[in-house]
Amino acid sequence: MGALITAVVVLVVGIAAVLIAIGLYNRLVRERNGVDNAWAQIEVQLKRRYDLIPNLVETVKGYASHERNTFEAVTAARVAAINAQGPAEQAKAENALSTALRSVFAVAEAYPQLQASTNFVELQNELSDTENRIAYSRQYYNDAVLTYNTSVQSVPSNIIAGSFGFEIREFFAAPENERGPVRVQF
């Protein structure tokens, strides 16, 4: 009788351990898929941004055709951002593109007739809206990565994560040399 009770207890503990392992594995899969989904949302917003930029550049070019270097810099930054791979490289490329776009807007400020152009104002508003969406998507992605990475590194899910190849994901953050306060000079 005692052997039967011991066998039942061992069986129940074994079944509970298997169910816990399955639950942890499923949670890690859900969180990993959440990170992938969040990254896909960033890519959607970045594509929207990339599609708006040529229209913006062409509109400004019509008024300020002699600002060739500025337009070439934006085009090169756009291509680099489109070709960037992974969150760190993407963040660096996006920061370079944002800097180049600021140059286009600086050029546009010198042309009042451009500022009055309905097409330019609409493109500027769409781009601003897209920038807000990108910021939200980055935050959402980083939150998903934080949740996932915490699970991958925490006991006991780290045992399951290590056994099944769940790896830490990168945050979408500004490169180290681009962090810190903005310097303003007059």
N, C-alpha and C. Protein backbone atom coordinates (compact mmCIF):
# COMPACT_ATOMS: atom_id res chain seq x y z
N MET A 1 0.83 -1.20 0.00
CA MET A 1 0.00 0.00 0.00
C MET A 1 0.87 1.26 0.00
N GLY A 2 1.94 1.25 0.80
CA GLY A 2 2.83 2.40 0.87
C GLY A 2 3.54 2.65 -0.45
N ALA A 3 3.88 1.57 -1.17
CA ALA A 3 4.54 1.71 -2.46
C ALA A 3 3.59 2.31 -3.49
N LEU A 4 2.30 1.96 -3.38
CA LEU A 4 1.30 2.50 -4.29
C LEU A 4 1.12 4.00 -4.08
N ILE A 5 1.08 4.42 -2.82
CA ILE A 5 0.94 5.85 -2.50
C ILE A 5 2.17 6.61 -3.00
N THR A 6 3.34 6.05 -2.80
CA THR A 6 4.57 6.68 -3.26
C THR A 6 4.56 6.80 -4.79
N ALA A 7 4.13 5.77 -5.47
CA ALA A 7 4.07 5.79 -6.93
C ALA A 7 3.08 6.84 -7.42
N VAL A 8 1.92 6.95 -6.75
CA VAL A 8 0.92 7.95 -7.12
C VAL A 8 1.47 9.35 -6.90
N VAL A 9 2.14 9.58 -5.77
CA VAL A 9 2.71 10.90 -5.47
C VAL A 9 3.76 11.26 -6.51
N VAL A 10 4.63 10.30 -6.84
CA VAL A 10 5.67 10.55 -7.84
C VAL A 10 5.02 10.84 -9.20
N LEU A 11 3.99 10.10 -9.54
CA LEU A 11 3.28 10.31 -10.80
C LEU A 11 2.63 11.70 -10.84
N VAL A 12 1.97 12.10 -9.76
CA VAL A 12 1.32 13.41 -9.69
C VAL A 12 2.37 14.53 -9.78
N VAL A 13 3.47 14.39 -9.07
CA VAL A 13 4.54 15.39 -9.12
C VAL A 13 5.13 15.44 -10.53
N GLY A 14 5.33 14.30 -11.16
CA GLY A 14 5.85 14.25 -12.53
C GLY A 14 4.91 14.92 -13.51
N ILE A 15 3.62 14.64 -13.40
CA ILE A 15 2.62 15.27 -14.28
C ILE A 15 2.59 16.77 -14.05
N ALA A 16 2.64 17.19 -12.78
CA ALA A 16 2.65 18.63 -12.47
C ALA A 16 3.88 19.30 -13.07
N ALA A 17 5.04 18.66 -12.98
CA ALA A 17 6.27 19.23 -13.54
C ALA A 17 6.16 19.36 -15.06
N VAL A 18 5.60 18.36 -15.72
CA VAL A 18 5.42 18.41 -17.17
C VAL A 18 4.45 19.53 -17.55
N LEU A 19 3.35 19.65 -16.80
CA LEU A 19 2.37 20.71 -17.09
C LEU A 19 2.97 22.10 -16.88
N ILE A 20 3.77 22.25 -15.85
CA ILE A 20 4.44 23.54 -15.60
C ILE A 20 5.41 23.84 -16.74
N ALA A 21 6.18 22.84 -17.16
CA ALA A 21 7.13 23.04 -18.26
C ALA A 21 6.39 23.42 -19.55
N ILE A 22 5.27 22.77 -19.82
CA ILE A 22 4.49 23.10 -21.02
C ILE A 22 3.95 24.53 -20.91
N GLY A 23 3.47 24.90 -19.74
CA GLY A 23 2.97 26.27 -19.54
C GLY A 23 4.06 27.31 -19.73
N LEU A 24 5.25 27.04 -19.20
CA LEU A 24 6.37 27.98 -19.36
C LEU A 24 6.79 28.08 -20.82
N TYR A 25 6.87 26.95 -21.50
CA TYR A 25 7.22 26.94 -22.92
C TYR A 25 6.20 27.76 -23.72
N ASN A 26 4.93 27.53 -23.48
CA ASN A 26 3.88 28.25 -24.21
C ASN A 26 3.94 29.75 -23.94
N ARG A 27 4.23 30.13 -22.70
CA ARG A 27 4.37 31.56 -22.38
C ARG A 27 5.53 32.17 -23.13
N LEU A 28 6.66 31.47 -23.18
CA LEU A 28 7.81 31.98 -23.92
C LEU A 28 7.50 32.12 -25.41
N VAL A 29 6.77 31.18 -25.97
CA VAL A 29 6.38 31.27 -27.38
C VAL A 29 5.48 32.48 -27.60
N ARG A 30 4.50 32.67 -26.72
CA ARG A 30 3.60 33.83 -26.85
C ARG A 30 4.38 35.13 -26.77
N GLU A 31 5.30 35.22 -25.81
CA GLU A 31 6.08 36.45 -25.66
C GLU A 31 7.01 36.68 -26.83
N ARG A 32 7.63 35.62 -27.34
CA ARG A 32 8.50 35.76 -28.52
C ARG A 32 7.69 36.21 -29.73
N ASN A 33 6.51 35.64 -29.89
CA ASN A 33 5.63 36.07 -30.99
C ASN A 33 5.18 37.51 -30.80
N GLY A 34 4.98 37.93 -29.55
CA GLY A 34 4.63 39.32 -29.27
C GLY A 34 5.75 40.26 -29.69
N VAL A 35 6.99 39.87 -29.43
CA VAL A 35 8.14 40.68 -29.84
C VAL A 35 8.19 40.76 -31.37
N ASP A 36 8.01 39.63 -32.03
CA ASP A 36 8.02 39.62 -33.50
C ASP A 36 6.90 40.50 -34.07
N ASN A 37 5.73 40.44 -33.46
CA ASN A 37 4.61 41.27 -33.89
C ASN A 37 4.92 42.76 -33.68
N ALA A 38 5.49 43.08 -32.55
CA ALA A 38 5.84 44.48 -32.27
C ALA A 38 6.87 44.98 -33.27
N TRP A 39 7.84 44.16 -33.63
CA TRP A 39 8.84 44.56 -34.63
C TRP A 39 8.18 44.76 -35.98
N ALA A 40 7.23 43.89 -36.32
CA ALA A 40 6.51 44.04 -37.59
C ALA A 40 5.76 45.37 -37.62
N GLN A 41 5.21 45.81 -36.48
CA GLN A 41 4.50 47.09 -36.43
C GLN A 41 5.47 48.25 -36.67
N ILE A 42 6.67 48.14 -36.12
CA ILE A 42 7.69 49.17 -36.38
C ILE A 42 8.00 49.21 -37.87
N GLU A 43 8.17 48.04 -38.47
CA GLU A 43 8.49 48.00 -39.90
C GLU A 43 7.38 48.62 -40.75
N VAL A 44 6.14 48.41 -40.37
CA VAL A 44 5.01 49.00 -41.10
C VAL A 44 5.11 50.53 -41.06
N GLN A 45 5.36 51.07 -39.87
CA GLN A 45 5.45 52.53 -39.73
C GLN A 45 6.68 53.08 -40.45
N LEU A 46 7.79 52.35 -40.39
CA LEU A 46 8.99 52.82 -41.08
C LEU A 46 8.78 52.81 -42.59
N LYS A 47 8.10 51.79 -43.11
CA LYS A 47 7.81 51.76 -44.54
C LYS A 47 6.94 52.95 -44.93
N ARG A 48 5.97 53.26 -44.10
CA ARG A 48 5.13 54.43 -44.37
C ARG A 48 5.99 55.70 -44.43
N ARG A 49 6.91 55.79 -43.49
CA ARG A 49 7.82 56.94 -43.47
C ARG A 49 8.66 56.98 -44.74
N TYR A 50 9.22 55.82 -45.13
CA TYR A 50 10.06 55.77 -46.32
C TYR A 50 9.27 56.15 -47.57
N ASP A 51 8.00 55.79 -47.61
CA ASP A 51 7.17 56.13 -48.76
C ASP A 51 6.85 57.62 -48.82
N LEU A 52 6.75 58.28 -47.68
CA LEU A 52 6.45 59.71 -47.64
C LEU A 52 7.65 60.58 -48.02
N ILE A 53 8.84 60.12 -47.69
CA ILE A 53 10.04 60.94 -47.85
C ILE A 53 10.28 61.38 -49.30
N PRO A 54 10.21 60.48 -50.30
CA PRO A 54 10.44 60.96 -51.68
C PRO A 54 9.45 62.05 -52.10
N ASN A 55 8.20 61.93 -51.69
CA ASN A 55 7.21 62.96 -52.02
C ASN A 55 7.57 64.29 -51.37
N LEU A 56 8.01 64.23 -50.13
CA LEU A 56 8.40 65.44 -49.42
C LEU A 56 9.61 66.08 -50.11
N VAL A 57 10.60 65.27 -50.42
CA VAL A 57 11.81 65.79 -51.07
C VAL A 57 11.47 66.42 -52.42
N GLU A 58 10.64 65.76 -53.21
CA GLU A 58 10.26 66.30 -54.52
C GLU A 58 9.51 67.62 -54.38
N THR A 59 8.65 67.72 -53.38
CA THR A 59 7.91 68.96 -53.16
C THR A 59 8.86 70.10 -52.81
N VAL A 60 9.79 69.83 -51.91
CA VAL A 60 10.74 70.87 -51.50
C VAL A 60 11.70 71.19 -52.64
N LYS A 61 12.08 70.16 -53.38
CA LYS A 61 13.00 70.34 -54.50
C LYS A 61 12.46 71.33 -55.54
N GLY A 62 11.15 71.33 -55.73
CA GLY A 62 10.53 72.25 -56.67
C GLY A 62 10.75 73.71 -56.29
N TYR A 63 10.91 73.97 -55.02
CA TYR A 63 11.10 75.35 -54.55
C TYR A 63 12.56 75.67 -54.29
N ALA A 64 13.34 74.66 -53.99
CA ALA A 64 14.74 74.91 -53.59
C ALA A 64 15.67 73.94 -54.30
N SER A 65 15.67 73.98 -55.60
CA SER A 65 16.44 73.02 -56.39
C SER A 65 17.95 73.13 -56.17
N HIS A 66 18.42 74.27 -55.70
CA HIS A 66 19.86 74.44 -55.49
C HIS A 66 20.36 73.80 -54.20
N GLU A 67 19.49 73.20 -53.41
CA GLU A 67 19.87 72.54 -52.15
C GLU A 67 20.15 71.05 -52.41
N ARG A 68 20.88 70.76 -53.46
CA ARG A 68 21.12 69.39 -53.90
C ARG A 68 21.74 68.50 -52.82
N ASN A 69 22.73 69.01 -52.10
CA ASN A 69 23.39 68.20 -51.06
C ASN A 69 22.41 67.72 -49.99
N THR A 70 21.49 68.59 -49.62
CA THR A 70 20.50 68.24 -48.62
C THR A 70 19.63 67.08 -49.11
N PHE A 71 19.18 67.16 -50.36
CA PHE A 71 18.32 66.12 -50.91
C PHE A 71 19.07 64.80 -51.09
N GLU A 72 20.33 64.89 -51.48
CA GLU A 72 21.14 63.68 -51.62
C GLU A 72 21.37 63.02 -50.26
N ALA A 73 21.57 63.83 -49.23
CA ALA A 73 21.77 63.28 -47.89
C ALA A 73 20.52 62.56 -47.40
N VAL A 74 19.35 63.13 -47.67
CA VAL A 74 18.10 62.48 -47.26
C VAL A 74 17.92 61.18 -48.02
N THR A 75 18.18 61.20 -49.31
CA THR A 75 18.03 59.99 -50.12
C THR A 75 18.98 58.89 -49.65
N ALA A 76 20.22 59.25 -49.37
CA ALA A 76 21.20 58.27 -48.90
C ALA A 76 20.80 57.72 -47.52
N ALA A 77 20.33 58.59 -46.65
CA ALA A 77 19.91 58.16 -45.31
C ALA A 77 18.69 57.25 -45.40
N ARG A 78 17.79 57.54 -46.32
CA ARG A 78 16.59 56.70 -46.52
C ARG A 78 17.00 55.31 -46.98
N VAL A 79 17.92 55.23 -47.95
CA VAL A 79 18.38 53.94 -48.45
C VAL A 79 19.07 53.15 -47.33
N ALA A 80 19.90 53.82 -46.54
CA ALA A 80 20.58 53.15 -45.43
C ALA A 80 19.57 52.63 -44.41
N ALA A 81 18.53 53.40 -44.14
CA ALA A 81 17.52 52.97 -43.18
C ALA A 81 16.72 51.78 -43.72
N ILE A 82 16.40 51.79 -44.99
CA ILE A 82 15.66 50.68 -45.59
C ILE A 82 16.48 49.40 -45.52
N ASN A 83 17.78 49.50 -45.71
CA ASN A 83 18.66 48.32 -45.74
C ASN A 83 19.17 47.89 -44.37
N ALA A 84 18.88 48.64 -43.32
CA ALA A 84 19.38 48.31 -41.98
C ALA A 84 18.78 47.00 -41.50
N GLN A 85 19.58 46.23 -40.76
CA GLN A 85 19.16 44.94 -40.23
C GLN A 85 19.28 44.95 -38.71
N GLY A 86 18.24 44.53 -38.02
CA GLY A 86 18.28 44.41 -36.57
C GLY A 86 18.01 45.73 -35.88
N PRO A 87 17.56 45.66 -34.65
CA PRO A 87 17.18 46.87 -33.92
C PRO A 87 18.30 47.89 -33.74
N ALA A 88 19.52 47.47 -33.43
CA ALA A 88 20.60 48.43 -33.19
C ALA A 88 20.97 49.18 -34.47
N GLU A 89 21.15 48.44 -35.55
CA GLU A 89 21.50 49.07 -36.83
C GLU A 89 20.33 49.93 -37.33
N GLN A 90 19.12 49.45 -37.13
CA GLN A 90 17.93 50.19 -37.56
C GLN A 90 17.83 51.51 -36.79
N ALA A 91 18.07 51.46 -35.48
CA ALA A 91 17.99 52.68 -34.67
C ALA A 91 19.02 53.71 -35.13
N LYS A 92 20.24 53.25 -35.42
CA LYS A 92 21.29 54.16 -35.88
C LYS A 92 20.90 54.79 -37.22
N ALA A 93 20.39 53.96 -38.14
CA ALA A 93 19.99 54.46 -39.45
C ALA A 93 18.81 55.42 -39.35
N GLU A 94 17.87 55.12 -38.47
CA GLU A 94 16.71 55.99 -38.29
C GLU A 94 17.11 57.34 -37.70
N ASN A 95 18.07 57.34 -36.80
CA ASN A 95 18.55 58.61 -36.24
C ASN A 95 19.22 59.46 -37.32
N ALA A 96 19.98 58.82 -38.20
CA ALA A 96 20.63 59.55 -39.30
C ALA A 96 19.57 60.10 -40.25
N LEU A 97 18.53 59.33 -40.51
CA LEU A 97 17.46 59.78 -41.39
C LEU A 97 16.71 60.96 -40.76
N SER A 98 16.46 60.90 -39.47
CA SER A 98 15.78 62.01 -38.78
C SER A 98 16.61 63.28 -38.88
N THR A 99 17.91 63.16 -38.73
CA THR A 99 18.80 64.32 -38.86
C THR A 99 18.72 64.90 -40.27
N ALA A 100 18.73 64.03 -41.28
CA ALA A 100 18.64 64.49 -42.66
C ALA A 100 17.29 65.16 -42.94
N LEU A 101 16.23 64.61 -42.37
CA LEU A 101 14.91 65.22 -42.56
C LEU A 101 14.82 66.61 -41.92
N ARG A 102 15.48 66.77 -40.78
CA ARG A 102 15.50 68.09 -40.15
C ARG A 102 16.14 69.12 -41.09
N SER A 103 17.13 68.69 -41.87
CA SER A 103 17.76 69.59 -42.84
C SER A 103 16.77 70.01 -43.93
N VAL A 104 15.94 69.07 -44.36
CA VAL A 104 14.93 69.40 -45.38
C VAL A 104 13.95 70.42 -44.82
N PHE A 105 13.52 70.22 -43.58
CA PHE A 105 12.59 71.18 -42.98
C PHE A 105 13.25 72.54 -42.75
N ALA A 106 14.55 72.53 -42.47
CA ALA A 106 15.27 73.80 -42.32
C ALA A 106 15.31 74.54 -43.66
N VAL A 107 15.53 73.80 -44.75
CA VAL A 107 15.51 74.42 -46.08
C VAL A 107 14.12 74.97 -46.36
N ALA A 108 13.10 74.20 -46.03
CA ALA A 108 11.72 74.61 -46.30
C ALA A 108 11.34 75.89 -45.58
N GLU A 109 11.92 76.12 -44.40
CA GLU A 109 11.61 77.33 -43.64
C GLU A 109 12.05 78.59 -44.37
N ALA A 110 13.01 78.46 -45.25
CA ALA A 110 13.52 79.62 -45.98
C ALA A 110 12.63 80.01 -47.16
N TYR A 111 11.58 79.22 -47.42
CA TYR A 111 10.72 79.46 -48.57
C TYR A 111 9.26 79.59 -48.12
N PRO A 112 8.82 80.84 -47.90
CA PRO A 112 7.44 81.06 -47.43
C PRO A 112 6.39 80.48 -48.37
N GLN A 113 6.64 80.55 -49.69
CA GLN A 113 5.66 80.01 -50.63
C GLN A 113 5.54 78.48 -50.47
N LEU A 114 6.64 77.83 -50.11
CA LEU A 114 6.60 76.39 -49.85
C LEU A 114 5.80 76.11 -48.58
N GLN A 115 6.02 76.92 -47.56
CA GLN A 115 5.27 76.76 -46.30
C GLN A 115 3.77 76.91 -46.53
N ALA A 116 3.39 77.67 -47.55
CA ALA A 116 1.98 77.89 -47.84
C ALA A 116 1.41 76.80 -48.75
N SER A 117 2.26 75.96 -49.31
CA SER A 117 1.82 74.91 -50.21
C SER A 117 1.01 73.85 -49.45
N THR A 118 -0.19 73.60 -49.92
CA THR A 118 -1.07 72.61 -49.29
C THR A 118 -0.43 71.23 -49.32
N ASN A 119 0.19 70.90 -50.44
CA ASN A 119 0.83 69.60 -50.59
C ASN A 119 1.94 69.42 -49.55
N PHE A 120 2.77 70.44 -49.38
CA PHE A 120 3.86 70.38 -48.41
C PHE A 120 3.32 70.25 -47.00
N VAL A 121 2.32 71.04 -46.66
CA VAL A 121 1.75 71.02 -45.31
C VAL A 121 1.15 69.64 -45.02
N GLU A 122 0.45 69.07 -46.01
CA GLU A 122 -0.14 67.73 -45.81
C GLU A 122 0.95 66.67 -45.62
N LEU A 123 1.99 66.74 -46.43
CA LEU A 123 3.10 65.79 -46.29
C LEU A 123 3.78 65.95 -44.93
N GLN A 124 3.97 67.20 -44.52
CA GLN A 124 4.60 67.47 -43.23
C GLN A 124 3.74 66.92 -42.09
N ASN A 125 2.43 67.10 -42.17
CA ASN A 125 1.54 66.57 -41.14
C ASN A 125 1.53 65.04 -41.13
N GLU A 126 1.52 64.44 -42.31
CA GLU A 126 1.54 62.98 -42.39
C GLU A 126 2.84 62.43 -41.82
N LEU A 127 3.94 63.09 -42.13
CA LEU A 127 5.23 62.65 -41.61
C LEU A 127 5.28 62.80 -40.10
N SER A 128 4.74 63.89 -39.59
CA SER A 128 4.69 64.10 -38.14
C SER A 128 3.85 63.02 -37.47
N ASP A 129 2.71 62.70 -38.07
CA ASP A 129 1.86 61.63 -37.54
C ASP A 129 2.60 60.30 -37.56
N THR A 130 3.32 60.05 -38.64
CA THR A 130 4.08 58.80 -38.76
C THR A 130 5.19 58.75 -37.71
N GLU A 131 5.86 59.87 -37.47
CA GLU A 131 6.90 59.90 -36.44
C GLU A 131 6.33 59.55 -35.07
N ASN A 132 5.12 60.04 -34.79
CA ASN A 132 4.46 59.69 -33.52
C ASN A 132 4.14 58.21 -33.45
N ARG A 133 3.69 57.65 -34.56
CA ARG A 133 3.39 56.22 -34.60
C ARG A 133 4.65 55.39 -34.42
N ILE A 134 5.74 55.84 -35.02
CA ILE A 134 7.01 55.13 -34.87
C ILE A 134 7.45 55.16 -33.41
N ALA A 135 7.33 56.30 -32.77
CA ALA A 135 7.71 56.41 -31.36
C ALA A 135 6.87 55.46 -30.50
N TYR A 136 5.57 55.41 -30.76
CA TYR A 136 4.70 54.50 -30.01
C TYR A 136 5.10 53.05 -30.30
N SER A 137 5.35 52.72 -31.56
CA SER A 137 5.71 51.35 -31.93
C SER A 137 7.03 50.94 -31.29
N ARG A 138 7.98 51.86 -31.23
CA ARG A 138 9.27 51.56 -30.57
C ARG A 138 9.05 51.25 -29.09
N GLN A 139 8.22 52.06 -28.44
CA GLN A 139 7.95 51.84 -27.02
C GLN A 139 7.26 50.49 -26.81
N TYR A 140 6.28 50.18 -27.66
CA TYR A 140 5.58 48.92 -27.57
C TYR A 140 6.53 47.74 -27.77
N TYR A 141 7.40 47.87 -28.77
CA TYR A 141 8.39 46.82 -29.04
C TYR A 141 9.32 46.64 -27.83
N ASN A 142 9.85 47.73 -27.32
CA ASN A 142 10.76 47.63 -26.18
C ASN A 142 10.07 47.04 -24.95
N ASP A 143 8.79 47.35 -24.75
CA ASP A 143 8.05 46.74 -23.65
C ASP A 143 7.90 45.23 -23.86
N ALA A 144 7.61 44.82 -25.10
CA ALA A 144 7.49 43.39 -25.41
C ALA A 144 8.82 42.68 -25.22
N VAL A 145 9.91 43.32 -25.63
CA VAL A 145 11.25 42.74 -25.45
C VAL A 145 11.57 42.61 -23.96
N LEU A 146 11.23 43.62 -23.18
CA LEU A 146 11.48 43.58 -21.75
C LEU A 146 10.76 42.39 -21.11
N THR A 147 9.50 42.21 -21.42
CA THR A 147 8.72 41.10 -20.87
C THR A 147 9.32 39.76 -21.28
N TYR A 148 9.63 39.64 -22.56
CA TYR A 148 10.20 38.40 -23.09
C TYR A 148 11.57 38.11 -22.47
N ASN A 149 12.46 39.10 -22.47
CA ASN A 149 13.80 38.90 -21.92
C ASN A 149 13.76 38.54 -20.44
N THR A 150 12.84 39.14 -19.71
CA THR A 150 12.69 38.82 -18.29
C THR A 150 12.31 37.35 -18.13
N SER A 151 11.41 36.88 -18.96
CA SER A 151 11.01 35.46 -18.89
C SER A 151 12.17 34.54 -19.27
N VAL A 152 12.92 34.92 -20.29
CA VAL A 152 14.04 34.08 -20.74
C VAL A 152 15.12 33.99 -19.65
N GLN A 153 15.26 35.03 -18.85
CA GLN A 153 16.33 35.07 -17.85
C GLN A 153 15.88 34.66 -16.45
N SER A 154 14.60 34.52 -16.23
CA SER A 154 14.08 34.23 -14.88
C SER A 154 13.95 32.73 -14.64
N VAL A 155 14.16 32.34 -13.39
CA VAL A 155 13.97 30.95 -12.98
C VAL A 155 12.49 30.74 -12.74
N PRO A 156 11.88 29.69 -13.12
CA PRO A 156 12.40 28.49 -13.77
C PRO A 156 12.29 28.53 -15.29
N SER A 157 11.70 29.59 -15.85
CA SER A 157 11.52 29.62 -17.30
C SER A 157 12.85 29.67 -18.05
N ASN A 158 13.92 30.11 -17.40
CA ASN A 158 15.22 30.13 -18.08
C ASN A 158 15.70 28.72 -18.41
N ILE A 159 15.27 27.74 -17.66
CA ILE A 159 15.63 26.35 -17.94
C ILE A 159 14.97 25.91 -19.26
N ILE A 160 13.69 26.21 -19.39
CA ILE A 160 12.96 25.88 -20.61
C ILE A 160 13.53 26.70 -21.78
N ALA A 161 13.78 27.99 -21.55
CA ALA A 161 14.31 28.86 -22.61
C ALA A 161 15.64 28.34 -23.12
N GLY A 162 16.52 27.97 -22.21
CA GLY A 162 17.83 27.44 -22.62
C GLY A 162 17.72 26.12 -23.35
N SER A 163 16.80 25.29 -22.92
CA SER A 163 16.63 23.97 -23.53
C SER A 163 16.06 24.05 -24.94
N PHE A 164 15.23 25.05 -25.20
CA PHE A 164 14.55 25.14 -26.49
C PHE A 164 15.04 26.30 -27.36
N GLY A 165 16.14 26.91 -27.00
CA GLY A 165 16.77 27.91 -27.87
C GLY A 165 16.13 29.29 -27.90
N PHE A 166 15.43 29.66 -26.84
CA PHE A 166 14.89 31.02 -26.76
C PHE A 166 16.04 31.95 -26.39
N GLU A 167 16.28 32.95 -27.22
CA GLU A 167 17.41 33.84 -26.98
C GLU A 167 16.94 35.25 -26.66
N ILE A 168 17.79 35.98 -25.95
CA ILE A 168 17.53 37.38 -25.59
C ILE A 168 17.38 38.19 -26.87
N ARG A 169 16.46 39.14 -26.86
CA ARG A 169 16.24 40.03 -28.00
C ARG A 169 16.83 41.40 -27.69
N GLU A 170 17.18 42.12 -28.74
CA GLU A 170 17.76 43.46 -28.64
C GLU A 170 16.67 44.51 -28.50
N PHE A 171 16.94 45.51 -27.68
CA PHE A 171 16.04 46.65 -27.58
C PHE A 171 16.28 47.57 -28.78
N PHE A 172 15.27 48.34 -29.13
CA PHE A 172 15.38 49.33 -30.20
C PHE A 172 15.70 50.65 -29.51
N ALA A 173 16.99 50.90 -29.34
CA ALA A 173 17.43 52.08 -28.59
C ALA A 173 18.41 52.89 -29.42
N ALA A 174 18.57 54.14 -29.04
CA ALA A 174 19.55 55.00 -29.71
C ALA A 174 20.95 54.48 -29.41
N PRO A 175 21.87 54.56 -30.37
CA PRO A 175 23.24 54.15 -30.12
C PRO A 175 23.85 54.95 -28.96
N GLU A 176 24.79 54.34 -28.26
CA GLU A 176 25.40 54.95 -27.07
C GLU A 176 25.92 56.36 -27.33
N ASN A 177 26.56 56.57 -28.49
CA ASN A 177 27.15 57.88 -28.76
C ASN A 177 26.11 58.94 -29.12
N GLU A 178 24.84 58.54 -29.27
CA GLU A 178 23.80 59.51 -29.61
C GLU A 178 22.84 59.76 -28.45
N ARG A 179 23.15 59.22 -27.28
CA ARG A 179 22.31 59.44 -26.12
C ARG A 179 22.78 60.67 -25.37
N GLY A 180 21.94 61.19 -24.54
CA GLY A 180 22.32 62.34 -23.75
C GLY A 180 21.60 63.59 -24.19
N PRO A 181 21.89 64.69 -23.51
CA PRO A 181 21.17 65.93 -23.81
C PRO A 181 21.57 66.49 -25.16
N VAL A 182 20.61 67.14 -25.78
CA VAL A 182 20.85 67.79 -27.07
C VAL A 182 21.56 69.11 -26.81
N ARG A 183 22.61 69.36 -27.59
CA ARG A 183 23.34 70.62 -27.44
C ARG A 183 22.76 71.64 -28.41
N VAL A 184 22.36 72.76 -27.87
CA VAL A 184 21.81 73.83 -28.69
C VAL A 184 22.80 74.99 -28.71
N GLN A 185 23.13 75.45 -29.92
CA GLN A 185 24.05 76.57 -30.04
C GLN A 185 23.40 77.67 -30.86
N PHE A 186 23.61 78.89 -30.45
CA PHE A 186 23.07 80.04 -31.18
C PHE A 186 24.19 80.84 -31.80
